[in-house]
Amino acid sequence: MQAYCFKCRTKREIKDPKKVTLKNGRPATQGVCPNCGTKVFRIGQS
């Protein structure tokens, strides 16, 4: 799964993805950019 990295300004593959649930109950995926180490986040089913 890919997410947009704001530091690299490109879509990157998510490293160490974790499923999380937002406060409003929507599913999301959180992980780390493999290139720069910044947190990346993607809302939606994983």
C-alpha atoms as a PDB file:
ATOM      1  CA  MET A   1       0.000   0.000   0.000  1.00  0.00           C
ATOM      2  CA  GLN A   2       1.213   3.502  -0.815  1.00  0.00           C
ATOM      3  CA  ALA A   3       0.774   6.847   0.907  1.00  0.00           C
ATOM      4  CA  TYR A   4       1.848  10.369   0.043  1.00  0.00           C
ATOM      5  CA  CYS A   5       4.995  11.549   1.831  1.00  0.00           C
ATOM      6  CA  PHE A   6       4.894  15.319   2.320  1.00  0.00           C
ATOM      7  CA  LYS A   7       8.642  15.549   2.876  1.00  0.00           C
ATOM      8  CA  CYS A   8       9.609  13.623  -0.300  1.00  0.00           C
ATOM      9  CA  ARG A   9       6.573  15.005  -2.193  1.00  0.00           C
ATOM     10  CA  THR A  10       5.898  11.638  -3.840  1.00  0.00           C
ATOM     11  CA  LYS A  11       3.899   8.499  -3.173  1.00  0.00           C
ATOM     12  CA  ARG A  12       5.921   5.905  -1.279  1.00  0.00           C
ATOM     13  CA  GLU A  13       5.323   2.354  -0.132  1.00  0.00           C
ATOM     14  CA  ILE A  14       4.355   2.297   3.561  1.00  0.00           C
ATOM     15  CA  LYS A  15       6.993   0.708   5.793  1.00  0.00           C
ATOM     16  CA  ASP A  16       5.726  -0.980   8.996  1.00  0.00           C
ATOM     17  CA  PRO A  17       2.019  -0.381   8.245  1.00  0.00           C
ATOM     18  CA  LYS A  18      -0.405  -0.459  11.181  1.00  0.00           C
ATOM     19  CA  LYS A  19      -4.191  -0.427  11.009  1.00  0.00           C
ATOM     20  CA  VAL A  20      -5.672   2.370  13.095  1.00  0.00           C
ATOM     21  CA  THR A  21      -9.169   3.709  13.646  1.00  0.00           C
ATOM     22  CA  LEU A  22      -9.889   7.432  13.615  1.00  0.00           C
ATOM     23  CA  LYS A  23     -12.026   9.147  16.271  1.00  0.00           C
ATOM     24  CA  ASN A  24     -15.025   9.111  13.924  1.00  0.00           C
ATOM     25  CA  GLY A  25     -14.665   5.351  13.365  1.00  0.00           C
ATOM     26  CA  ARG A  26     -13.124   5.410   9.885  1.00  0.00           C
ATOM     27  CA  PRO A  27     -10.293   2.940   9.206  1.00  0.00           C
ATOM     28  CA  ALA A  28      -6.821   4.180   8.275  1.00  0.00           C
ATOM     29  CA  THR A  29      -3.254   2.959   7.831  1.00  0.00           C
ATOM     30  CA  GLN A  30      -0.258   4.578   9.485  1.00  0.00           C
ATOM     31  CA  GLY A  31       3.406   3.869   8.860  1.00  0.00           C
ATOM     32  CA  VAL A  32       6.790   5.305   7.976  1.00  0.00           C
ATOM     33  CA  CYS A  33       8.310   6.493   4.699  1.00  0.00           C
ATOM     34  CA  PRO A  34      11.148   4.100   3.811  1.00  0.00           C
ATOM     35  CA  ASN A  35      13.162   6.889   2.194  1.00  0.00           C
ATOM     36  CA  CYS A  36      13.167   9.697   4.789  1.00  0.00           C
ATOM     37  CA  GLY A  37      11.580   8.179   7.922  1.00  0.00           C
ATOM     38  CA  THR A  38       8.645  10.617   8.094  1.00  0.00           C
ATOM     39  CA  LYS A  39       5.271   9.350   9.344  1.00  0.00           C
ATOM     40  CA  VAL A  40       2.861   8.669   6.470  1.00  0.00           C
ATOM     41  CA  PHE A  41      -0.861   8.185   6.797  1.00  0.00           C
ATOM     42  CA  ARG A  42      -3.601   6.920   4.525  1.00  0.00           C
ATOM     43  CA  ILE A  43      -7.306   7.098   5.260  1.00  0.00           C
ATOM     44  CA  GLY A  44      -9.420   4.207   3.990  1.00  0.00           C
ATOM     45  CA  GLN A  45      -9.618   0.443   4.072  1.00  0.00           C
ATOM     46  CA  SER A  46      -6.217  -1.227   4.151  1.00  0.00           C
END
